[in-house]
C-alpha atoms as a PDB file:
ATOM      1  CA  UNK A   1     -83.162 -37.203 -35.874  1.00  0.00           C
ATOM      2  CA  UNK A   2     -85.615 -38.908 -33.517  1.00  0.00           C
ATOM      3  CA  UNK A   3     -86.003 -37.548 -30.080  1.00  0.00           C
ATOM      4  CA  UNK A   4     -84.710 -39.684 -27.332  1.00  0.00           C
ATOM      5  CA  UNK A   5     -86.316 -39.977 -23.950  1.00  0.00           C
ATOM      6  CA  UNK A   6     -84.645 -39.443 -20.558  1.00  0.00           C
ATOM      7  CA  UNK A   7     -82.148 -42.000 -19.540  1.00  0.00           C
ATOM      8  CA  UNK A   8     -83.176 -44.482 -16.918  1.00  0.00           C
ATOM      9  CA  UNK A   9     -81.136 -44.318 -13.734  1.00  0.00           C
ATOM     10  CA  UNK A  10     -79.424 -47.612 -12.946  1.00  0.00           C
ATOM     11  CA  UNK A  11     -80.222 -49.679  -9.922  1.00  0.00           C
ATOM     12  CA  UNK A  12     -77.660 -50.188  -7.216  1.00  0.00           C
ATOM     13  CA  UNK A  13     -77.050 -53.774  -6.211  1.00  0.00           C
ATOM     14  CA  UNK A  14     -75.291 -55.034  -3.036  1.00  0.00           C
ATOM     15  CA  UNK A  15     -73.556 -58.283  -3.410  1.00  0.00           C
ATOM     16  CA  UNK A  16     -72.151 -60.491  -0.558  1.00  0.00           C
ATOM     17  CA  UNK A  17     -69.246 -62.598  -1.730  1.00  0.00           C
ATOM     18  CA  UNK A  18     -67.255 -65.400  -0.098  1.00  0.00           C
ATOM     19  CA  UNK A  19     -63.859 -66.409  -1.492  1.00  0.00           C
ATOM     20  CA  UNK A  20     -60.715 -68.470  -1.006  1.00  0.00           C
ATOM     21  CA  UNK A  21     -58.043 -65.827  -1.688  1.00  0.00           C
ATOM     22  CA  UNK A  22     -55.113 -68.290  -2.014  1.00  0.00           C
ATOM     23  CA  UNK A  23     -54.953 -68.222  -5.866  1.00  0.00           C
ATOM     24  CA  UNK A  24     -55.658 -64.504  -6.270  1.00  0.00           C
ATOM     25  CA  UNK A  25     -53.619 -61.410  -6.097  1.00  0.00           C
ATOM     26  CA  UNK A  26     -55.953 -59.737  -3.677  1.00  0.00           C
ATOM     27  CA  UNK A  27     -59.314 -57.926  -4.208  1.00  0.00           C
ATOM     28  CA  UNK A  28     -58.305 -55.008  -6.368  1.00  0.00           C
ATOM     29  CA  UNK A  29     -58.007 -55.256 -10.125  1.00  0.00           C
ATOM     30  CA  UNK A  30     -54.437 -55.625 -11.429  1.00  0.00           C
ATOM     31  CA  UNK A  31     -53.469 -55.823 -15.121  1.00  0.00           C
ATOM     32  CA  UNK A  32     -52.495 -59.353 -16.081  1.00  0.00           C
ATOM     33  CA  UNK A  33     -53.169 -60.860 -12.640  1.00  0.00           C
ATOM     34  CA  UNK A  34     -56.197 -62.762 -11.296  1.00  0.00           C
ATOM     35  CA  UNK A  35     -58.038 -60.732  -8.611  1.00  0.00           C
ATOM     36  CA  UNK A  36     -61.397 -61.157  -7.013  1.00  0.00           C
ATOM     37  CA  UNK A  37     -62.697 -57.793  -8.250  1.00  0.00           C
ATOM     38  CA  UNK A  38     -61.394 -58.558 -11.796  1.00  0.00           C
ATOM     39  CA  UNK A  39     -63.066 -61.974 -11.962  1.00  0.00           C
ATOM     40  CA  UNK A  40     -66.337 -60.642 -10.559  1.00  0.00           C
ATOM     41  CA  UNK A  41     -66.351 -57.601 -12.864  1.00  0.00           C
ATOM     42  CA  UNK A  42     -65.846 -59.853 -15.947  1.00  0.00           C
ATOM     43  CA  UNK A  43     -68.685 -62.139 -14.787  1.00  0.00           C
ATOM     44  CA  UNK A  44     -71.034 -59.252 -14.317  1.00  0.00           C
ATOM     45  CA  UNK A  45     -70.196 -57.783 -17.799  1.00  0.00           C
ATOM     46  CA  UNK A  46     -70.680 -61.174 -19.451  1.00  0.00           C
ATOM     47  CA  UNK A  47     -74.176 -61.639 -17.805  1.00  0.00           C
ATOM     48  CA  UNK A  48     -75.529 -58.141 -18.199  1.00  0.00           C
ATOM     49  CA  UNK A  49     -73.719 -56.975 -21.358  1.00  0.00           C
ATOM     50  CA  UNK A  50     -72.988 -53.732 -19.572  1.00  0.00           C
ATOM     51  CA  UNK A  51     -69.660 -52.070 -18.646  1.00  0.00           C
ATOM     52  CA  UNK A  52     -69.665 -52.272 -14.886  1.00  0.00           C
ATOM     53  CA  UNK A  53     -67.662 -50.848 -12.015  1.00  0.00           C
ATOM     54  CA  UNK A  54     -67.600 -52.877  -8.822  1.00  0.00           C
ATOM     55  CA  UNK A  55     -66.973 -51.109  -5.504  1.00  0.00           C
ATOM     56  CA  UNK A  56     -65.756 -53.283  -2.635  1.00  0.00           C
ATOM     57  CA  UNK A  57     -66.009 -52.717   1.087  1.00  0.00           C
ATOM     58  CA  UNK A  58     -62.322 -53.375   1.593  1.00  0.00           C
ATOM     59  CA  UNK A  59     -59.243 -54.403  -0.511  1.00  0.00           C
ATOM     60  CA  UNK A  60     -58.147 -57.681   0.906  1.00  0.00           C
ATOM     61  CA  UNK A  61     -54.544 -58.652   0.180  1.00  0.00           C
ATOM     62  CA  UNK A  62     -53.336 -61.528  -1.882  1.00  0.00           C
ATOM     63  CA  UNK A  63     -53.975 -64.757   0.045  1.00  0.00           C
ATOM     64  CA  UNK A  64     -56.611 -63.305   2.372  1.00  0.00           C
ATOM     65  CA  UNK A  65     -60.045 -64.912   2.475  1.00  0.00           C
ATOM     66  CA  UNK A  66     -63.569 -63.672   2.951  1.00  0.00           C
ATOM     67  CA  UNK A  67     -66.679 -65.167   4.458  1.00  0.00           C
ATOM     68  CA  UNK A  68     -68.799 -62.346   3.271  1.00  0.00           C
ATOM     69  CA  UNK A  69     -67.097 -59.449   1.459  1.00  0.00           C
ATOM     70  CA  UNK A  70     -69.537 -56.680   0.357  1.00  0.00           C
ATOM     71  CA  UNK A  71     -69.542 -54.954  -3.013  1.00  0.00           C
ATOM     72  CA  UNK A  72     -71.981 -52.670  -4.850  1.00  0.00           C
ATOM     73  CA  UNK A  73     -72.501 -52.176  -8.548  1.00  0.00           C
ATOM     74  CA  UNK A  74     -74.800 -49.977 -10.713  1.00  0.00           C
ATOM     75  CA  UNK A  75     -76.750 -52.036 -13.215  1.00  0.00           C
ATOM     76  CA  UNK A  76     -79.389 -51.220 -15.827  1.00  0.00           C
ATOM     77  CA  UNK A  77     -80.283 -54.903 -16.258  1.00  0.00           C
ATOM     78  CA  UNK A  78     -83.644 -55.833 -14.691  1.00  0.00           C
ATOM     79  CA  UNK A  79     -82.457 -59.267 -13.796  1.00  0.00           C
ATOM     80  CA  UNK A  80     -83.898 -60.393 -10.480  1.00  0.00           C
ATOM     81  CA  UNK A  81     -81.523 -60.626  -7.572  1.00  0.00           C
ATOM     82  CA  UNK A  82     -82.030 -64.288  -7.101  1.00  0.00           C
ATOM     83  CA  UNK A  83     -81.300 -64.966 -10.736  1.00  0.00           C
ATOM     84  CA  UNK A  84     -78.212 -62.688 -10.710  1.00  0.00           C
ATOM     85  CA  UNK A  85     -76.828 -64.758  -7.831  1.00  0.00           C
ATOM     86  CA  UNK A  86     -77.426 -67.980  -9.768  1.00  0.00           C
ATOM     87  CA  UNK A  87     -75.970 -66.647 -13.067  1.00  0.00           C
ATOM     88  CA  UNK A  88     -72.857 -65.201 -11.321  1.00  0.00           C
ATOM     89  CA  UNK A  89     -72.075 -68.486  -9.569  1.00  0.00           C
ATOM     90  CA  UNK A  90     -72.468 -70.252 -12.911  1.00  0.00           C
ATOM     91  CA  UNK A  91     -69.768 -67.940 -14.363  1.00  0.00           C
ATOM     92  CA  UNK A  92     -67.391 -67.900 -11.351  1.00  0.00           C
ATOM     93  CA  UNK A  93     -64.742 -70.415 -10.247  1.00  0.00           C
ATOM     94  CA  UNK A  94     -65.547 -72.511  -7.241  1.00  0.00           C
ATOM     95  CA  UNK A  95     -63.167 -70.485  -5.089  1.00  0.00           C
ATOM     96  CA  UNK A  96     -65.641 -67.467  -5.436  1.00  0.00           C
ATOM     97  CA  UNK A  97     -69.314 -67.672  -4.495  1.00  0.00           C
ATOM     98  CA  UNK A  98     -71.876 -64.922  -4.466  1.00  0.00           C
ATOM     99  CA  UNK A  99     -74.020 -65.478  -1.422  1.00  0.00           C
ATOM    100  CA  UNK A 100     -76.678 -62.884  -2.043  1.00  0.00           C
ATOM    101  CA  UNK A 101     -77.710 -59.858  -4.003  1.00  0.00           C
ATOM    102  CA  UNK A 102     -80.190 -57.094  -2.935  1.00  0.00           C
ATOM    103  CA  UNK A 103     -81.309 -53.753  -4.324  1.00  0.00           C
ATOM    104  CA  UNK A 104     -80.153 -50.841  -2.108  1.00  0.00           C
ATOM    105  CA  UNK A 105     -80.541 -46.972  -2.304  1.00  0.00           C
ATOM    106  CA  UNK A 106     -78.697 -45.130  -5.015  1.00  0.00           C
ATOM    107  CA  UNK A 107     -76.454 -43.385  -2.420  1.00  0.00           C
ATOM    108  CA  UNK A 108     -75.236 -46.728  -0.909  1.00  0.00           C
ATOM    109  CA  UNK A 109     -71.514 -47.444  -1.177  1.00  0.00           C
ATOM    110  CA  UNK A 110     -69.945 -50.609   0.056  1.00  0.00           C
ATOM    111  CA  UNK A 111     -66.987 -48.962   1.611  1.00  0.00           C
ATOM    112  CA  UNK A 112     -68.219 -45.501   2.598  1.00  0.00           C
ATOM    113  CA  UNK A 113     -71.585 -46.687   4.018  1.00  0.00           C
ATOM    114  CA  UNK A 114     -70.185 -49.433   6.253  1.00  0.00           C
ATOM    115  CA  UNK A 115     -70.784 -49.186   9.946  1.00  0.00           C
ATOM    116  CA  UNK A 116     -68.102 -51.709  10.777  1.00  0.00           C
ATOM    117  CA  UNK A 117     -66.106 -54.746   9.540  1.00  0.00           C
ATOM    118  CA  UNK A 118     -65.248 -57.888  11.385  1.00  0.00           C
ATOM    119  CA  UNK A 119     -61.985 -59.758  10.744  1.00  0.00           C
ATOM    120  CA  UNK A 120     -60.766 -63.060  12.127  1.00  0.00           C
ATOM    121  CA  UNK A 121     -57.246 -64.386  12.263  1.00  0.00           C
ATOM    122  CA  UNK A 122     -56.618 -68.104  12.887  1.00  0.00           C
ATOM    123  CA  UNK A 123     -53.470 -69.533  14.383  1.00  0.00           C
ATOM    124  CA  UNK A 124     -53.102 -73.252  14.404  1.00  0.00           C
ATOM    125  CA  UNK A 125     -51.341 -74.369  17.564  1.00  0.00           C
ATOM    126  CA  UNK A 126     -50.731 -78.087  17.155  1.00  0.00           C
ATOM    127  CA  UNK A 127     -47.416 -79.601  15.993  1.00  0.00           C
ATOM    128  CA  UNK A 128     -48.767 -80.717  12.560  1.00  0.00           C
ATOM    129  CA  UNK A 129     -51.248 -78.774  10.651  1.00  0.00           C
ATOM    130  CA  UNK A 130     -53.692 -80.914   8.511  1.00  0.00           C
ATOM    131  CA  UNK A 131     -52.928 -80.273   4.741  1.00  0.00           C
ATOM    132  CA  UNK A 132     -56.560 -79.474   4.032  1.00  0.00           C
ATOM    133  CA  UNK A 133     -56.394 -76.637   6.661  1.00  0.00           C
ATOM    134  CA  UNK A 134     -53.091 -75.084   5.611  1.00  0.00           C
ATOM    135  CA  UNK A 135     -54.574 -72.591   3.268  1.00  0.00           C
ATOM    136  CA  UNK A 136     -56.699 -71.049   6.014  1.00  0.00           C
ATOM    137  CA  UNK A 137     -54.596 -70.844   9.136  1.00  0.00           C
ATOM    138  CA  UNK A 138     -51.071 -69.767  10.225  1.00  0.00           C
ATOM    139  CA  UNK A 139     -49.375 -72.756  11.752  1.00  0.00           C
ATOM    140  CA  UNK A 140     -47.500 -71.738  14.941  1.00  0.00           C
ATOM    141  CA  UNK A 141     -46.786 -74.724  17.218  1.00  0.00           C
ATOM    142  CA  UNK A 142     -44.193 -72.932  19.320  1.00  0.00           C
ATOM    143  CA  UNK A 143     -44.662 -71.865  23.011  1.00  0.00           C
ATOM    144  CA  UNK A 144     -46.932 -68.796  23.482  1.00  0.00           C
ATOM    145  CA  UNK A 145     -48.200 -67.102  26.589  1.00  0.00           C
ATOM    146  CA  UNK A 146     -51.884 -67.066  25.438  1.00  0.00           C
ATOM    147  CA  UNK A 147     -53.078 -65.324  28.596  1.00  0.00           C
ATOM    148  CA  UNK A 148     -50.780 -62.421  27.940  1.00  0.00           C
ATOM    149  CA  UNK A 149     -51.982 -62.297  24.352  1.00  0.00           C
ATOM    150  CA  UNK A 150     -55.556 -62.104  25.528  1.00  0.00           C
ATOM    151  CA  UNK A 151     -54.826 -59.380  27.886  1.00  0.00           C
ATOM    152  CA  UNK A 152     -52.832 -57.343  25.245  1.00  0.00           C
ATOM    153  CA  UNK A 153     -55.593 -57.755  22.619  1.00  0.00           C
ATOM    154  CA  UNK A 154     -58.062 -55.704  24.725  1.00  0.00           C
ATOM    155  CA  UNK A 155     -55.630 -52.692  24.671  1.00  0.00           C
ATOM    156  CA  UNK A 156     -56.499 -52.121  20.958  1.00  0.00           C
ATOM    157  CA  UNK A 157     -60.129 -51.317  21.792  1.00  0.00           C
ATOM    158  CA  UNK A 158     -61.297 -47.660  21.524  1.00  0.00           C
ATOM    159  CA  UNK A 159     -60.369 -44.818  19.182  1.00  0.00           C
ATOM    160  CA  UNK A 160     -56.558 -45.096  18.492  1.00  0.00           C
ATOM    161  CA  UNK A 161     -54.032 -43.739  16.068  1.00  0.00           C
ATOM    162  CA  UNK A 162     -52.864 -47.023  14.346  1.00  0.00           C
ATOM    163  CA  UNK A 163     -49.962 -45.566  12.399  1.00  0.00           C
ATOM    164  CA  UNK A 164     -47.620 -48.107  14.040  1.00  0.00           C
ATOM    165  CA  UNK A 165     -49.711 -50.934  12.675  1.00  0.00           C
ATOM    166  CA  UNK A 166     -50.151 -49.608   9.102  1.00  0.00           C
ATOM    167  CA  UNK A 167     -47.991 -50.955   6.287  1.00  0.00           C
ATOM    168  CA  UNK A 168     -44.683 -49.192   5.747  1.00  0.00           C
ATOM    169  CA  UNK A 169     -46.011 -47.555   2.537  1.00  0.00           C
ATOM    170  CA  UNK A 170     -49.246 -46.507   4.275  1.00  0.00           C
ATOM    171  CA  UNK A 171     -47.409 -44.997   7.223  1.00  0.00           C
ATOM    172  CA  UNK A 172     -45.149 -43.078   4.831  1.00  0.00           C
ATOM    173  CA  UNK A 173     -48.083 -41.635   2.969  1.00  0.00           C
ATOM    174  CA  UNK A 174     -49.711 -40.652   6.193  1.00  0.00           C
ATOM    175  CA  UNK A 175     -46.707 -38.874   7.613  1.00  0.00           C
ATOM    176  CA  UNK A 176     -47.661 -35.508   9.083  1.00  0.00           C
ATOM    177  CA  UNK A 177     -51.431 -36.328   8.804  1.00  0.00           C
ATOM    178  CA  UNK A 178     -52.126 -37.296  12.393  1.00  0.00           C
ATOM    179  CA  UNK A 179     -54.028 -34.082  13.058  1.00  0.00           C
ATOM    180  CA  UNK A 180     -56.321 -34.987  10.129  1.00  0.00           C
ATOM    181  CA  UNK A 181     -57.070 -38.339  11.740  1.00  0.00           C
ATOM    182  CA  UNK A 182     -56.062 -40.297   8.681  1.00  0.00           C
ATOM    183  CA  UNK A 183     -54.601 -43.225  10.747  1.00  0.00           C
ATOM    184  CA  UNK A 184     -57.138 -43.020  13.528  1.00  0.00           C
ATOM    185  CA  UNK A 185     -59.634 -45.980  13.646  1.00  0.00           C
ATOM    186  CA  UNK A 186     -62.298 -47.030  16.253  1.00  0.00           C
ATOM    187  CA  UNK A 187     -61.978 -50.610  17.380  1.00  0.00           C
ATOM    188  CA  UNK A 188     -65.123 -51.878  19.082  1.00  0.00           C
ATOM    189  CA  UNK A 189     -64.109 -55.514  19.848  1.00  0.00           C
ATOM    190  CA  UNK A 190     -60.510 -56.985  20.056  1.00  0.00           C
ATOM    191  CA  UNK A 191     -60.224 -60.466  21.502  1.00  0.00           C
ATOM    192  CA  UNK A 192     -57.974 -63.442  21.366  1.00  0.00           C
ATOM    193  CA  UNK A 193     -59.473 -66.797  22.380  1.00  0.00           C
ATOM    194  CA  UNK A 194     -58.732 -70.505  22.205  1.00  0.00           C
ATOM    195  CA  UNK A 195     -61.076 -72.446  19.967  1.00  0.00           C
ATOM    196  CA  UNK A 196     -60.078 -76.129  19.942  1.00  0.00           C
ATOM    197  CA  UNK A 197     -56.713 -76.418  18.207  1.00  0.00           C
ATOM    198  CA  UNK A 198     -56.643 -72.830  17.202  1.00  0.00           C
ATOM    199  CA  UNK A 199     -55.967 -69.454  18.721  1.00  0.00           C
ATOM    200  CA  UNK A 200     -58.402 -67.051  17.113  1.00  0.00           C
ATOM    201  CA  UNK A 201     -58.153 -63.215  17.109  1.00  0.00           C
ATOM    202  CA  UNK A 202     -61.447 -61.520  16.253  1.00  0.00           C
ATOM    203  CA  UNK A 203     -61.549 -57.712  15.745  1.00  0.00           C
ATOM    204  CA  UNK A 204     -64.524 -55.399  14.793  1.00  0.00           C
ATOM    205  CA  UNK A 205     -63.817 -51.783  13.915  1.00  0.00           C
ATOM    206  CA  UNK A 206     -64.933 -48.802  11.844  1.00  0.00           C
ATOM    207  CA  UNK A 207     -62.290 -49.437   9.285  1.00  0.00           C
ATOM    208  CA  UNK A 208     -58.756 -50.765   8.978  1.00  0.00           C
ATOM    209  CA  UNK A 209     -55.489 -49.458   7.578  1.00  0.00           C
ATOM    210  CA  UNK A 210     -53.545 -51.555   5.121  1.00  0.00           C
ATOM    211  CA  UNK A 211     -52.010 -54.648   6.676  1.00  0.00           C
ATOM    212  CA  UNK A 212     -53.337 -53.331  10.091  1.00  0.00           C
ATOM    213  CA  UNK A 213     -54.899 -56.588  11.318  1.00  0.00           C
ATOM    214  CA  UNK A 214     -51.872 -58.739  10.249  1.00  0.00           C
ATOM    215  CA  UNK A 215     -49.559 -56.378  11.924  1.00  0.00           C
ATOM    216  CA  UNK A 216     -51.675 -56.465  15.147  1.00  0.00           C
ATOM    217  CA  UNK A 217     -51.592 -60.280  15.173  1.00  0.00           C
ATOM    218  CA  UNK A 218     -47.847 -60.334  14.529  1.00  0.00           C
ATOM    219  CA  UNK A 219     -47.408 -58.005  17.510  1.00  0.00           C
ATOM    220  CA  UNK A 220     -49.625 -60.125  19.699  1.00  0.00           C
ATOM    221  CA  UNK A 221     -47.575 -63.176  18.748  1.00  0.00           C
ATOM    222  CA  UNK A 222     -44.449 -61.289  19.982  1.00  0.00           C
ATOM    223  CA  UNK A 223     -46.360 -60.704  23.184  1.00  0.00           C
ATOM    224  CA  UNK A 224     -47.004 -64.437  23.427  1.00  0.00           C
ATOM    225  CA  UNK A 225     -43.321 -65.068  22.838  1.00  0.00           C
ATOM    226  CA  UNK A 226     -42.523 -62.605  25.635  1.00  0.00           C
ATOM    227  CA  UNK A 227     -40.493 -60.398  23.235  1.00  0.00           C
ATOM    228  CA  UNK A 228     -42.989 -57.590  23.962  1.00  0.00           C
ATOM    229  CA  UNK A 229     -44.511 -56.976  27.365  1.00  0.00           C
ATOM    230  CA  UNK A 230     -48.243 -57.575  27.658  1.00  0.00           C
ATOM    231  CA  UNK A 231     -48.579 -53.979  28.789  1.00  0.00           C
ATOM    232  CA  UNK A 232     -46.537 -52.497  25.936  1.00  0.00           C
ATOM    233  CA  UNK A 233     -49.309 -52.027  23.444  1.00  0.00           C
ATOM    234  CA  UNK A 234     -50.121 -48.502  24.626  1.00  0.00           C
ATOM    235  CA  UNK A 235     -46.439 -47.449  24.097  1.00  0.00           C
ATOM    236  CA  UNK A 236     -46.351 -48.960  20.615  1.00  0.00           C
ATOM    237  CA  UNK A 237     -49.485 -47.068  19.644  1.00  0.00           C
ATOM    238  CA  UNK A 238     -48.194 -43.806  21.053  1.00  0.00           C
ATOM    239  CA  UNK A 239     -44.889 -44.252  19.073  1.00  0.00           C
ATOM    240  CA  UNK A 240     -46.731 -43.892  15.704  1.00  0.00           C
ATOM    241  CA  UNK A 241     -43.796 -45.792  14.251  1.00  0.00           C
ATOM    242  CA  UNK A 242     -44.160 -49.106  12.290  1.00  0.00           C
ATOM    243  CA  UNK A 243     -40.761 -50.380  13.530  1.00  0.00           C
ATOM    244  CA  UNK A 244     -42.082 -50.215  17.160  1.00  0.00           C
ATOM    245  CA  UNK A 245     -44.630 -52.985  16.422  1.00  0.00           C
ATOM    246  CA  UNK A 246     -44.123 -56.720  15.614  1.00  0.00           C
ATOM    247  CA  UNK A 247     -43.841 -58.307  12.144  1.00  0.00           C
ATOM    248  CA  UNK A 248     -46.823 -58.786   9.922  1.00  0.00           C
ATOM    249  CA  UNK A 249     -48.567 -62.184  10.250  1.00  0.00           C
ATOM    250  CA  UNK A 250     -48.973 -64.236   7.011  1.00  0.00           C
ATOM    251  CA  UNK A 251     -51.963 -63.485   4.855  1.00  0.00           C
ATOM    252  CA  UNK A 252     -53.404 -66.927   4.724  1.00  0.00           C
ATOM    253  CA  UNK A 253     -54.649 -66.852   8.383  1.00  0.00           C
ATOM    254  CA  UNK A 254     -56.751 -63.728   7.758  1.00  0.00           C
ATOM    255  CA  UNK A 255     -60.530 -63.783   6.920  1.00  0.00           C
ATOM    256  CA  UNK A 256     -62.845 -60.917   6.343  1.00  0.00           C
ATOM    257  CA  UNK A 257     -65.923 -62.329   8.190  1.00  0.00           C
ATOM    258  CA  UNK A 258     -68.513 -59.694   7.286  1.00  0.00           C
ATOM    259  CA  UNK A 259     -69.340 -56.071   6.754  1.00  0.00           C
ATOM    260  CA  UNK A 260     -72.245 -54.371   8.679  1.00  0.00           C
ATOM    261  CA  UNK A 261     -74.407 -51.493   7.496  1.00  0.00           C
ATOM    262  CA  UNK A 262     -76.994 -49.398   9.232  1.00  0.00           C
ATOM    263  CA  UNK A 263     -80.398 -50.058   7.928  1.00  0.00           C
ATOM    264  CA  UNK A 264     -79.306 -52.763   5.480  1.00  0.00           C
ATOM    265  CA  UNK A 265     -80.644 -56.205   6.267  1.00  0.00           C
ATOM    266  CA  UNK A 266     -78.787 -59.378   5.438  1.00  0.00           C
ATOM    267  CA  UNK A 267     -81.224 -61.365   3.283  1.00  0.00           C
ATOM    268  CA  UNK A 268     -79.149 -64.562   3.191  1.00  0.00           C
ATOM    269  CA  UNK A 269     -77.415 -66.508   5.887  1.00  0.00           C
ATOM    270  CA  UNK A 270     -73.645 -65.541   5.998  1.00  0.00           C
ATOM    271  CA  UNK A 271     -71.021 -68.051   6.987  1.00  0.00           C
ATOM    272  CA  UNK A 272     -69.016 -68.015  10.076  1.00  0.00           C
ATOM    273  CA  UNK A 273     -65.347 -68.793   9.473  1.00  0.00           C
ATOM    274  CA  UNK A 274     -64.881 -70.881  12.640  1.00  0.00           C
ATOM    275  CA  UNK A 275     -64.693 -74.374  11.348  1.00  0.00           C
ATOM    276  CA  UNK A 276     -61.468 -76.299  11.758  1.00  0.00           C
ATOM    277  CA  UNK A 277     -61.758 -78.300   8.518  1.00  0.00           C
ATOM    278  CA  UNK A 278     -60.959 -75.471   6.046  1.00  0.00           C
ATOM    279  CA  UNK A 279     -64.469 -74.880   4.883  1.00  0.00           C
ATOM    280  CA  UNK A 280     -65.987 -71.513   4.451  1.00  0.00           C
ATOM    281  CA  UNK A 281     -69.241 -72.188   6.359  1.00  0.00           C
END
């Protein structure tokens, strides 16, 4: 039996991916359903001929979009990063685009290595929402106290226990775990601002619980409707009770803008999801 040499360690590749989440059942692979992770994994396998496992920075829900999701994958293939980007985009539907690929250290992990994530939620404030924009915003033409919403948004900044803003399932699983900090997250920036015909909520944080951003936005809308006092956010956070907060805002208005990493440069321009015409860039 011939001797075999030592196996060659795979390279670790970081991908930046933009997608329109409308026609997908979220990021995570689900049997029999189209998902972003599933489509990307199949494309990688077809190109490299390897079984691959793709690790995403976050599991966006069905209907949520991304300007620059991050994911890493271990590959033995020597394909150049630029060629990998081209090959992937040739294999992917137009609703998913790989923006860049770069080799990163073996210990890098898209979720665990992240310094922060930035999300944006877009609320369209005019009476009629243009059809070409409807996939990417939440139309809400009704009266809102936008000043109160801006004030309340700042109360989410800092290290907070966000159990009141986790999904019902997530809050149930985290019951009794407050001491372990499982629902504590650090929010660096939380701001609501008017951008033309839209009211845009932007939040950057160390990490986010399931449905957390959508639940925050739904609560801020209730502040704008004056169903919740602008100064009531602290009490809702302290309650650690999902029923104390407002409803979850629809998925279509939410965009994962980008994921930031210490020591990892962004070798391709990343899109800003701020246009009012429904485009990703």
